């Protein structure tokens, strides 16, 4: 959580708010890969998105 806090403080201090959507999309894609790659019950729903 310290890493996310550091990123947030960097964005606030340097007025780089345009980085927030990029970071959110990358985190969402990471979660999709983690949960979709395991062959879990969530996989069929992820495959329908793409």
PDB file of N, CA and C in Angstrom:
ATOM      1  N   UNK A   1       0.821  -1.203   0.000  1.00  0.00           N
ATOM      2  CA  UNK A   1       0.000   0.000   0.000  1.00  0.00           C
ATOM      3  C   UNK A   1       0.861   1.261   0.000  1.00  0.00           C
ATOM      4  N   UNK A   2       2.078   1.164   0.506  1.00  0.00           N
ATOM      5  CA  UNK A   2       2.964   2.328   0.489  1.00  0.00           C
ATOM      6  C   UNK A   2       3.286   2.756  -0.943  1.00  0.00           C
ATOM      7  N   UNK A   3       3.393   1.772  -1.833  1.00  0.00           N
ATOM      8  CA  UNK A   3       3.679   2.074  -3.228  1.00  0.00           C
ATOM      9  C   UNK A   3       2.551   2.902  -3.849  1.00  0.00           C
ATOM     10  N   UNK A   4       1.310   2.499  -3.598  1.00  0.00           N
ATOM     11  CA  UNK A   4       0.173   3.252  -4.131  1.00  0.00           C
ATOM     12  C   UNK A   4       0.092   4.644  -3.514  1.00  0.00           C
ATOM     13  N   UNK A   5       0.424   4.731  -2.230  1.00  0.00           N
ATOM     14  CA  UNK A   5       0.428   6.033  -1.565  1.00  0.00           C
ATOM     15  C   UNK A   5       1.495   6.942  -2.166  1.00  0.00           C
ATOM     16  N   UNK A   6       2.668   6.378  -2.459  1.00  0.00           N
ATOM     17  CA  UNK A   6       3.738   7.163  -3.072  1.00  0.00           C
ATOM     18  C   UNK A   6       3.341   7.647  -4.464  1.00  0.00           C
ATOM     19  N   UNK A   7       2.692   6.777  -5.227  1.00  0.00           N
ATOM     20  CA  UNK A   7       2.244   7.182  -6.563  1.00  0.00           C
ATOM     21  C   UNK A   7       1.225   8.312  -6.461  1.00  0.00           C
ATOM     22  N   UNK A   8       0.279   8.181  -5.526  1.00  0.00           N
ATOM     23  CA  UNK A   8      -0.737   9.216  -5.353  1.00  0.00           C
ATOM     24  C   UNK A   8      -0.106  10.550  -4.941  1.00  0.00           C
ATOM     25  N   UNK A   9       0.851  10.504  -4.019  1.00  0.00           N
ATOM     26  CA  UNK A   9       1.509  11.740  -3.584  1.00  0.00           C
ATOM     27  C   UNK A   9       2.300  12.366  -4.736  1.00  0.00           C
ATOM     28  N   UNK A  10       2.932  11.535  -5.574  1.00  0.00           N
ATOM     29  CA  UNK A  10       3.651  12.044  -6.737  1.00  0.00           C
ATOM     30  C   UNK A  10       2.691  12.764  -7.687  1.00  0.00           C
ATOM     31  N   UNK A  11       1.531  12.125  -7.948  1.00  0.00           N
ATOM     32  CA  UNK A  11       0.567  12.735  -8.864  1.00  0.00           C
ATOM     33  C   UNK A  11       0.011  14.037  -8.300  1.00  0.00           C
ATOM     34  N   UNK A  12      -0.241  14.080  -7.009  1.00  0.00           N
ATOM     35  CA  UNK A  12      -0.771  15.306  -6.403  1.00  0.00           C
ATOM     36  C   UNK A  12       0.252  16.439  -6.425  1.00  0.00           C
ATOM     37  N   UNK A  13       1.496  16.088  -6.102  1.00  0.00           N
ATOM     38  CA  UNK A  13       2.537  17.120  -6.005  1.00  0.00           C
ATOM     39  C   UNK A  13       2.913  17.689  -7.369  1.00  0.00           C
ATOM     40  N   UNK A  14       2.982  16.828  -8.375  1.00  0.00           N
ATOM     41  CA  UNK A  14       3.426  17.263  -9.694  1.00  0.00           C
ATOM     42  C   UNK A  14       2.269  17.558 -10.649  1.00  0.00           C
ATOM     43  N   UNK A  15       1.029  17.468 -10.153  1.00  0.00           N
ATOM     44  CA  UNK A  15      -0.179  17.731 -10.961  1.00  0.00           C
ATOM     45  C   UNK A  15      -0.243  16.824 -12.188  1.00  0.00           C
ATOM     46  N   UNK A  16       0.037  15.566 -11.983  1.00  0.00           N
ATOM     47  CA  UNK A  16       0.009  14.573 -13.065  1.00  0.00           C
ATOM     48  C   UNK A  16      -1.231  13.690 -12.935  1.00  0.00           C
ATOM     49  N   UNK A  17      -2.389  14.305 -12.854  1.00  0.00           N
ATOM     50  CA  UNK A  17      -3.627  13.552 -12.656  1.00  0.00           C
ATOM     51  C   UNK A  17      -3.997  12.709 -13.872  1.00  0.00           C
ATOM     52  N   UNK A  18      -3.422  12.994 -15.019  1.00  0.00           N
ATOM     53  CA  UNK A  18      -3.714  12.215 -16.212  1.00  0.00           C
ATOM     54  C   UNK A  18      -3.150  10.793 -16.110  1.00  0.00           C
ATOM     55  N   UNK A  19      -2.251  10.553 -15.137  1.00  0.00           N
ATOM     56  CA  UNK A  19      -1.717   9.210 -14.945  1.00  0.00           C
ATOM     57  C   UNK A  19      -2.707   8.271 -14.272  1.00  0.00           C
ATOM     58  N   UNK A  20      -3.675   8.812 -13.557  1.00  0.00           N
ATOM     59  CA  UNK A  20      -4.616   7.987 -12.796  1.00  0.00           C
ATOM     60  C   UNK A  20      -5.389   7.006 -13.681  1.00  0.00           C
ATOM     61  N   UNK A  21      -5.998   7.424 -14.802  1.00  0.00           N
ATOM     62  CA  UNK A  21      -6.716   6.441 -15.632  1.00  0.00           C
ATOM     63  C   UNK A  21      -5.810   5.346 -16.183  1.00  0.00           C
ATOM     64  N   UNK A  22      -4.576   5.696 -16.510  1.00  0.00           N
ATOM     65  CA  UNK A  22      -3.641   4.702 -17.033  1.00  0.00           C
ATOM     66  C   UNK A  22      -3.341   3.656 -15.969  1.00  0.00           C
ATOM     67  N   UNK A  23      -3.093   4.103 -14.746  1.00  0.00           N
ATOM     68  CA  UNK A  23      -2.780   3.178 -13.647  1.00  0.00           C
ATOM     69  C   UNK A  23      -3.983   2.300 -13.329  1.00  0.00           C
ATOM     70  N   UNK A  24      -5.174   2.877 -13.344  1.00  0.00           N
ATOM     71  CA  UNK A  24      -6.380   2.098 -13.053  1.00  0.00           C
ATOM     72  C   UNK A  24      -6.597   1.025 -14.110  1.00  0.00           C
ATOM     73  N   UNK A  25      -6.420   1.361 -15.373  1.00  0.00           N
ATOM     74  CA  UNK A  25      -6.593   0.380 -16.452  1.00  0.00           C
ATOM     75  C   UNK A  25      -5.555  -0.734 -16.330  1.00  0.00           C
ATOM     76  N   UNK A  26      -4.325  -0.388 -16.017  1.00  0.00           N
ATOM     77  CA  UNK A  26      -3.291  -1.415 -15.854  1.00  0.00           C
ATOM     78  C   UNK A  26      -3.605  -2.350 -14.686  1.00  0.00           C
ATOM     79  N   UNK A  27      -4.098  -1.799 -13.588  1.00  0.00           N
ATOM     80  CA  UNK A  27      -4.468  -2.640 -12.449  1.00  0.00           C
ATOM     81  C   UNK A  27      -5.632  -3.563 -12.792  1.00  0.00           C
ATOM     82  N   UNK A  28      -6.628  -3.037 -13.500  1.00  0.00           N
ATOM     83  CA  UNK A  28      -7.766  -3.874 -13.905  1.00  0.00           C
ATOM     84  C   UNK A  28      -7.325  -4.997 -14.841  1.00  0.00           C
ATOM     85  N   UNK A  29      -6.460  -4.690 -15.792  1.00  0.00           N
ATOM     86  CA  UNK A  29      -5.964  -5.739 -16.678  1.00  0.00           C
ATOM     87  C   UNK A  29      -5.157  -6.787 -15.918  1.00  0.00           C
ATOM     88  N   UNK A  30      -4.402  -6.348 -14.931  1.00  0.00           N
ATOM     89  CA  UNK A  30      -3.661  -7.295 -14.111  1.00  0.00           C
ATOM     90  C   UNK A  30      -4.568  -8.229 -13.347  1.00  0.00           C
ATOM     91  N   UNK A  31      -5.649  -7.683 -12.782  1.00  0.00           N
ATOM     92  CA  UNK A  31      -6.612  -8.529 -12.060  1.00  0.00           C
ATOM     93  C   UNK A  31      -7.307  -9.498 -13.012  1.00  0.00           C
ATOM     94  N   UNK A  32      -7.635  -9.048 -14.219  1.00  0.00           N
ATOM     95  CA  UNK A  32      -8.273  -9.934 -15.191  1.00  0.00           C
ATOM     96  C   UNK A  32      -7.334 -11.072 -15.567  1.00  0.00           C
ATOM     97  N   UNK A  33      -6.065 -10.765 -15.750  1.00  0.00           N
ATOM     98  CA  UNK A  33      -5.102 -11.817 -16.103  1.00  0.00           C
ATOM     99  C   UNK A  33      -4.930 -12.798 -14.956  1.00  0.00           C
ATOM    100  N   UNK A  34      -4.853 -12.291 -13.734  1.00  0.00           N
ATOM    101  CA  UNK A  34      -4.663 -13.166 -12.572  1.00  0.00           C
ATOM    102  C   UNK A  34      -5.862 -14.082 -12.384  1.00  0.00           C
ATOM    103  N   UNK A  35      -7.059 -13.511 -12.411  1.00  0.00           N
ATOM    104  CA  UNK A  35      -8.245 -14.315 -12.156  1.00  0.00           C
ATOM    105  C   UNK A  35      -8.680 -15.118 -13.379  1.00  0.00           C
ATOM    106  N   UNK A  36      -8.385 -14.646 -14.557  1.00  0.00           N
ATOM    107  CA  UNK A  36      -8.784 -15.350 -15.768  1.00  0.00           C
ATOM    108  C   UNK A  36      -7.833 -16.462 -16.168  1.00  0.00           C
ATOM    109  N   UNK A  37      -6.597 -16.352 -15.792  1.00  0.00           N
ATOM    110  CA  UNK A  37      -5.612 -17.350 -16.188  1.00  0.00           C
ATOM    111  C   UNK A  37      -5.655 -18.622 -15.375  1.00  0.00           C
ATOM    112  N   UNK A  38      -6.310 -18.601 -14.246  1.00  0.00           N
ATOM    113  CA  UNK A  38      -6.321 -19.770 -13.377  1.00  0.00           C
ATOM    114  C   UNK A  38      -7.358 -20.806 -13.724  1.00  0.00           C
ATOM    115  N   UNK A  39      -8.183 -20.578 -14.733  1.00  0.00           N
ATOM    116  CA  UNK A  39      -9.211 -21.546 -15.077  1.00  0.00           C
ATOM    117  C   UNK A  39     -10.315 -21.584 -14.034  1.00  0.00           C
ATOM    118  N   UNK A  40     -10.552 -20.467 -13.410  1.00  0.00           N
ATOM    119  CA  UNK A  40     -11.553 -20.424 -12.346  1.00  0.00           C
ATOM    120  C   UNK A  40     -12.947 -20.284 -12.937  1.00  0.00           C
ATOM    121  N   UNK A  41     -13.921 -20.107 -12.059  1.00  0.00           N
ATOM    122  CA  UNK A  41     -15.310 -19.954 -12.480  1.00  0.00           C
ATOM    123  C   UNK A  41     -15.553 -18.599 -13.134  1.00  0.00           C
ATOM    124  N   UNK A  42     -14.610 -17.681 -13.004  1.00  0.00           N
ATOM    125  CA  UNK A  42     -14.765 -16.348 -13.580  1.00  0.00           C
ATOM    126  C   UNK A  42     -14.359 -16.342 -15.053  1.00  0.00           C
ATOM    127  N   UNK A  43     -13.611 -17.324 -15.483  1.00  0.00           N
ATOM    128  CA  UNK A  43     -13.062 -17.353 -16.843  1.00  0.00           C
ATOM    129  C   UNK A  43     -14.112 -17.192 -17.943  1.00  0.00           C
ATOM    130  N   UNK A  44     -15.245 -17.898 -17.891  1.00  0.00           N
ATOM    131  CA  UNK A  44     -16.212 -17.718 -18.992  1.00  0.00           C
ATOM    132  C   UNK A  44     -16.719 -16.287 -19.120  1.00  0.00           C
ATOM    133  N   UNK A  45     -16.830 -15.585 -18.035  1.00  0.00           N
ATOM    134  CA  UNK A  45     -17.307 -14.202 -18.090  1.00  0.00           C
ATOM    135  C   UNK A  45     -16.242 -13.280 -18.673  1.00  0.00           C
ATOM    136  N   UNK A  46     -14.983 -13.558 -18.396  1.00  0.00           N
ATOM    137  CA  UNK A  46     -13.897 -12.733 -18.927  1.00  0.00           C
ATOM    138  C   UNK A  46     -13.771 -12.949 -20.424  1.00  0.00           C
ATOM    139  N   UNK A  47     -13.923 -14.196 -20.883  1.00  0.00           N
ATOM    140  CA  UNK A  47     -13.790 -14.482 -22.300  1.00  0.00           C
ATOM    141  C   UNK A  47     -14.891 -13.807 -23.111  1.00  0.00           C
ATOM    142  N   UNK A  48     -16.065 -13.616 -22.522  1.00  0.00           N
ATOM    143  CA  UNK A  48     -17.134 -12.946 -23.253  1.00  0.00           C
ATOM    144  C   UNK A  48     -16.855 -11.460 -23.419  1.00  0.00           C
ATOM    145  N   UNK A  49     -16.017 -10.884 -22.550  1.00  0.00           N
ATOM    146  CA  UNK A  49     -15.680  -9.465 -22.688  1.00  0.00           C
ATOM    147  C   UNK A  49     -14.777  -9.225 -23.890  1.00  0.00           C
ATOM    148  N   UNK A  50     -13.928 -10.183 -24.199  1.00  0.00           N
ATOM    149  CA  UNK A  50     -12.979 -10.010 -25.286  1.00  0.00           C
ATOM    150  C   UNK A  50     -13.381 -10.893 -26.421  1.00  0.00           C
TER     151      UNK A  50
END
